[in-house]
Amino acid sequence: MITLSVYSREGCHLCEEMLAALVQFKTELGFEFEVYDIDEDAALLQEYNALVPVVKLGERELMRYYFELATLKAALNIFREKT
């Protein structure tokens, strides 16, 4: 199963929207995701403070701020072709 990393923080309405969209499509598109609260890690806070939410597949950033279904589908297809 493909696992995405989601960098987020509590009280962030864009983060909540991103997570809701990921939940909506995870079964259909066949992925899981792990959420990292940037406020709980000084290094993540420094890296992502004003950028959340950020969704990554491995080291590749897929989305920032807003959910993009076409971007997610393309990235998942490319990843599956390579593995």
Protein backbone atom coordinates (compact mmCIF):
# COMPACT_ATOMS: atom_id res chain seq x y z
CA MET A 1 0.00 0.00 0.00
CA ILE A 2 1.25 3.48 -0.85
CA THR A 3 1.57 5.79 2.14
CA LEU A 4 1.52 9.57 1.84
CA SER A 5 2.91 11.94 4.46
CA VAL A 6 0.71 14.88 5.43
CA TYR A 7 2.26 17.80 7.29
CA SER A 8 -0.46 19.65 9.14
CA ARG A 9 -1.39 21.50 12.31
CA GLU A 10 -4.44 21.72 14.53
CA GLY A 11 -6.79 24.62 13.90
CA CYS A 12 -5.78 24.96 10.25
CA HIS A 13 -8.87 25.03 8.03
CA LEU A 14 -6.86 24.20 4.89
CA CYS A 15 -5.39 21.22 6.71
CA GLU A 16 -8.85 20.01 7.67
CA GLU A 17 -10.01 20.33 4.06
CA MET A 18 -6.96 18.44 2.78
CA LEU A 19 -7.45 15.62 5.27
CA ALA A 20 -11.16 15.33 4.42
CA ALA A 21 -10.34 15.07 0.72
CA LEU A 22 -7.67 12.44 1.33
CA VAL A 23 -10.10 10.39 3.43
CA GLN A 24 -12.66 10.66 0.63
CA PHE A 25 -10.31 9.24 -2.02
CA LYS A 26 -8.01 6.89 -0.13
CA THR A 27 -10.00 3.70 -0.73
CA GLU A 28 -10.81 4.50 -4.35
CA LEU A 29 -7.20 5.39 -5.21
CA GLY A 30 -5.57 2.81 -2.94
CA PHE A 31 -3.38 4.76 -0.55
CA GLU A 32 -2.97 5.43 3.15
CA PHE A 33 -1.60 8.50 4.83
CA GLU A 34 0.19 9.47 8.00
CA VAL A 35 -0.38 12.89 9.56
CA TYR A 36 2.48 14.78 11.17
CA ASP A 37 1.61 17.74 13.39
CA ILE A 38 4.35 20.26 12.64
CA ASP A 39 3.80 22.03 15.95
CA GLU A 40 5.05 18.92 17.78
CA ASP A 41 8.46 18.87 16.05
CA ALA A 42 10.79 21.88 15.93
CA ALA A 43 12.42 20.79 12.66
CA LEU A 44 9.05 20.28 10.94
CA LEU A 45 7.81 23.60 12.30
CA GLN A 46 10.83 25.38 10.86
CA GLU A 47 10.44 23.67 7.48
CA TYR A 48 6.65 23.89 7.02
CA ASN A 49 5.40 26.67 9.32
CA ALA A 50 3.49 28.81 6.79
CA LEU A 51 3.20 26.12 4.12
CA VAL A 52 0.74 23.61 5.58
CA PRO A 53 -0.88 21.47 4.58
CA VAL A 54 1.81 19.70 2.57
CA VAL A 55 1.34 16.21 1.11
CA LYS A 56 4.39 14.20 0.13
CA LEU A 57 4.99 10.83 -1.50
CA GLY A 58 8.42 9.84 -0.31
CA GLU A 59 10.54 12.95 -0.77
CA ARG A 60 8.36 14.37 -3.54
CA GLU A 61 5.97 17.16 -2.61
CA LEU A 62 2.63 16.57 -4.31
CA MET A 63 0.36 19.26 -2.91
CA ARG A 64 0.62 22.37 -0.81
CA TYR A 65 -2.36 24.27 0.62
CA TYR A 66 -5.05 22.68 -1.62
CA PHE A 67 -6.09 19.20 -2.67
CA GLU A 68 -5.53 18.48 -6.36
CA LEU A 69 -7.11 15.21 -7.47
CA ALA A 70 -5.40 15.13 -10.89
CA THR A 71 -1.99 15.67 -9.30
CA LEU A 72 -2.57 12.90 -6.78
CA LYS A 73 -3.78 10.43 -9.41
CA ALA A 74 -0.80 11.14 -11.67
CA ALA A 75 1.71 10.76 -8.83
CA LEU A 76 0.17 7.49 -7.67
CA ASN A 77 0.20 6.10 -11.22
CA ILE A 78 3.85 7.06 -11.73
CA PHE A 79 4.80 5.52 -8.38
CA ARG A 80 3.00 2.27 -9.23
CA GLU A 81 4.70 2.07 -12.64
CA LYS A 82 8.13 2.39 -11.00
CA THR A 83 7.51 -0.33 -8.41
